[in-house]
Amino acid sequence: MHCRPLLTAALLMLTSGCASGLNSIQQAELDHYRANNLAAEEKSPAGAMLLGLLPGGGSFYGRAYVPGAVNLLLWPVSVLWDPISGYNAAQSINYQVTRAHVARLKRNEMEELDSQLLLNVIDQKQYAVKRRLVDEKFSNGY
């Protein structure tokens, strides 16, 4: 009967997961940025999966420290969900990092374009055309 709390904890971890994956819109957006060489990768999803085989490794790698500690205690049973949780966490981190990276790149290009307009290097018409091109370049595909 002393296994019941352990099984209950394992079931809760298995059903809730430590990190949810990207939804279909986020995944499509990340794929679009990757296809256009705009993506930034901070965490390796494959590495996170491999680390998930170690006690709590996938969760710790994905910055989920409390679930990582629980997975450490539940190891080796946590091997059933921690690789997936680590992968999902790495994907989520990379999505957020990519969005920030793309926003920074767009902001820099827009500031350069604004400077060109202020210095009369380009006129209003050229500015409008170039601004539209920058918007298209950094759009998320939707």
Protein backbone atom coordinates (compact mmCIF):
# COMPACT_ATOMS: atom_id res chain seq x y z
CA MET A 1 0.00 0.00 0.00
CA HIS A 2 2.98 2.37 0.38
CA CYS A 3 3.27 2.43 -3.43
CA ARG A 4 -0.07 4.21 -3.82
CA PRO A 5 1.33 7.76 -3.22
CA LEU A 6 4.14 7.04 -5.67
CA LEU A 7 1.71 5.80 -8.31
CA THR A 8 -0.60 8.77 -7.73
CA ALA A 9 2.30 11.20 -8.14
CA ALA A 10 3.45 9.39 -11.28
CA LEU A 11 -0.05 9.50 -12.74
CA LEU A 12 -0.36 13.22 -12.01
CA MET A 13 2.99 13.94 -13.65
CA LEU A 14 2.15 11.76 -16.63
CA THR A 15 -1.24 13.37 -17.25
CA SER A 16 -0.25 16.96 -16.56
CA GLY A 17 3.22 17.01 -18.06
CA CYS A 18 5.89 19.45 -17.02
CA ALA A 19 5.77 21.54 -20.15
CA SER A 20 3.11 21.64 -22.78
CA GLY A 21 4.21 21.65 -26.37
CA LEU A 22 3.58 24.38 -28.87
CA ASN A 23 0.10 24.68 -30.30
CA SER A 24 -0.31 24.30 -34.06
CA ILE A 25 -0.17 28.05 -34.71
CA GLN A 26 3.00 28.50 -32.67
CA GLN A 27 4.60 25.48 -34.37
CA ALA A 28 3.71 26.85 -37.82
CA GLU A 29 5.14 30.24 -36.84
CA LEU A 30 8.38 28.68 -35.59
CA ASP A 31 8.63 26.55 -38.76
CA HIS A 32 8.12 29.69 -40.86
CA TYR A 33 10.93 31.50 -39.04
CA ARG A 34 13.19 28.46 -39.41
CA ALA A 35 12.47 28.26 -43.15
CA ASN A 36 13.43 31.94 -43.46
CA ASN A 37 16.60 31.58 -41.37
CA LEU A 38 15.22 33.86 -38.65
CA ALA A 39 14.97 31.29 -35.86
CA ALA A 40 17.15 31.36 -32.77
CA GLU A 41 17.79 28.18 -30.82
CA GLU A 42 18.74 28.35 -27.18
CA LYS A 43 17.90 24.76 -26.23
CA SER A 44 18.29 21.55 -28.22
CA PRO A 45 15.03 19.58 -28.33
CA ALA A 46 16.94 16.38 -29.14
CA GLY A 47 19.34 17.04 -26.28
CA ALA A 48 16.40 17.65 -23.96
CA MET A 49 14.92 14.28 -24.93
CA LEU A 50 18.19 12.51 -24.23
CA LEU A 51 18.61 14.28 -20.92
CA GLY A 52 15.07 13.18 -20.06
CA LEU A 53 16.43 9.66 -19.75
CA LEU A 54 18.46 10.79 -16.76
CA PRO A 55 16.77 11.41 -13.40
CA GLY A 56 14.94 14.73 -13.91
CA GLY A 57 17.32 15.75 -16.69
CA GLY A 58 14.75 16.82 -19.28
CA SER A 59 12.85 18.97 -16.81
CA PHE A 60 15.97 20.59 -15.35
CA TYR A 61 17.24 21.34 -18.88
CA GLY A 62 13.86 22.91 -19.69
CA ARG A 63 14.05 25.13 -16.58
CA ALA A 64 11.24 23.27 -14.78
CA TYR A 65 13.06 22.78 -11.49
CA VAL A 66 10.25 21.60 -9.20
CA PRO A 67 9.00 19.00 -11.70
CA GLY A 68 12.65 18.06 -12.25
CA ALA A 69 13.03 17.34 -8.54
CA VAL A 70 9.83 15.27 -8.58
CA ASN A 71 11.07 13.39 -11.65
CA LEU A 72 14.35 12.80 -9.89
CA LEU A 73 12.46 11.17 -7.04
CA LEU A 74 10.25 9.17 -9.40
CA TRP A 75 13.09 7.89 -11.55
CA PRO A 76 13.12 5.37 -13.36
CA VAL A 77 9.34 5.67 -13.88
CA SER A 78 9.76 9.32 -14.92
CA VAL A 79 11.58 8.10 -18.04
CA LEU A 80 8.09 7.55 -19.45
CA TRP A 81 7.32 11.29 -19.62
CA ASP A 82 10.43 13.35 -18.88
CA PRO A 83 12.00 13.03 -22.37
CA ILE A 84 8.77 14.34 -23.92
CA SER A 85 8.46 17.06 -21.31
CA GLY A 86 12.07 18.12 -21.93
CA TYR A 87 11.51 18.21 -25.68
CA ASN A 88 8.36 20.33 -25.25
CA ALA A 89 10.15 22.69 -22.88
CA ALA A 90 13.05 23.16 -25.30
CA GLN A 91 10.62 23.86 -28.15
CA SER A 92 8.73 26.41 -26.02
CA ILE A 93 11.95 28.15 -24.98
CA ASN A 94 13.16 28.27 -28.59
CA TYR A 95 9.81 29.67 -29.72
CA GLN A 96 9.99 32.50 -27.16
CA VAL A 97 13.65 33.21 -27.95
CA THR A 98 12.90 33.27 -31.69
CA ARG A 99 9.99 35.68 -31.27
CA ALA A 100 12.19 38.05 -29.25
CA HIS A 101 15.02 37.69 -31.81
CA VAL A 102 12.71 38.45 -34.75
CA ALA A 103 11.20 41.45 -32.95
CA ARG A 104 14.71 42.79 -32.24
CA LEU A 105 15.80 42.33 -35.87
CA LYS A 106 12.67 44.07 -37.14
CA ARG A 107 13.05 46.93 -34.66
CA ASN A 108 16.68 47.44 -35.76
CA GLU A 109 15.75 47.50 -39.44
CA MET A 110 12.87 49.90 -38.79
CA GLU A 111 15.15 52.23 -36.80
CA GLU A 112 17.64 52.22 -39.67
CA LEU A 113 14.83 52.98 -42.12
CA ASP A 114 13.54 55.80 -39.90
CA SER A 115 17.06 57.26 -39.75
CA GLN A 116 17.32 57.19 -43.53
CA LEU A 117 14.03 59.08 -43.80
CA LEU A 118 15.07 61.67 -41.19
CA LEU A 119 18.41 62.22 -42.93
CA ASN A 120 16.64 62.58 -46.30
CA VAL A 121 18.51 59.60 -47.73
CA ILE A 122 15.13 58.27 -48.89
CA ASP A 123 11.83 60.02 -49.55
CA GLN A 124 8.36 59.18 -48.19
CA LYS A 125 7.52 56.93 -51.13
CA GLN A 126 10.74 54.91 -50.80
CA TYR A 127 10.17 54.75 -47.06
CA ALA A 128 6.67 53.32 -47.50
CA VAL A 129 7.90 50.68 -49.96
CA LYS A 130 10.85 49.68 -47.78
CA ARG A 131 8.68 49.62 -44.66
CA ARG A 132 6.27 47.22 -46.37
CA LEU A 133 9.20 45.00 -47.36
CA VAL A 134 10.47 44.93 -43.78
CA ASP A 135 6.98 44.06 -42.52
CA GLU A 136 6.75 41.21 -45.02
CA LYS A 137 10.24 39.96 -44.22
CA PHE A 138 9.46 39.62 -40.52
CA SER A 139 5.84 38.51 -40.78
CA ASN A 140 5.02 35.23 -39.11
CA GLY A 141 3.43 33.78 -42.24
CA TYR A 142 -0.17 34.69 -41.33
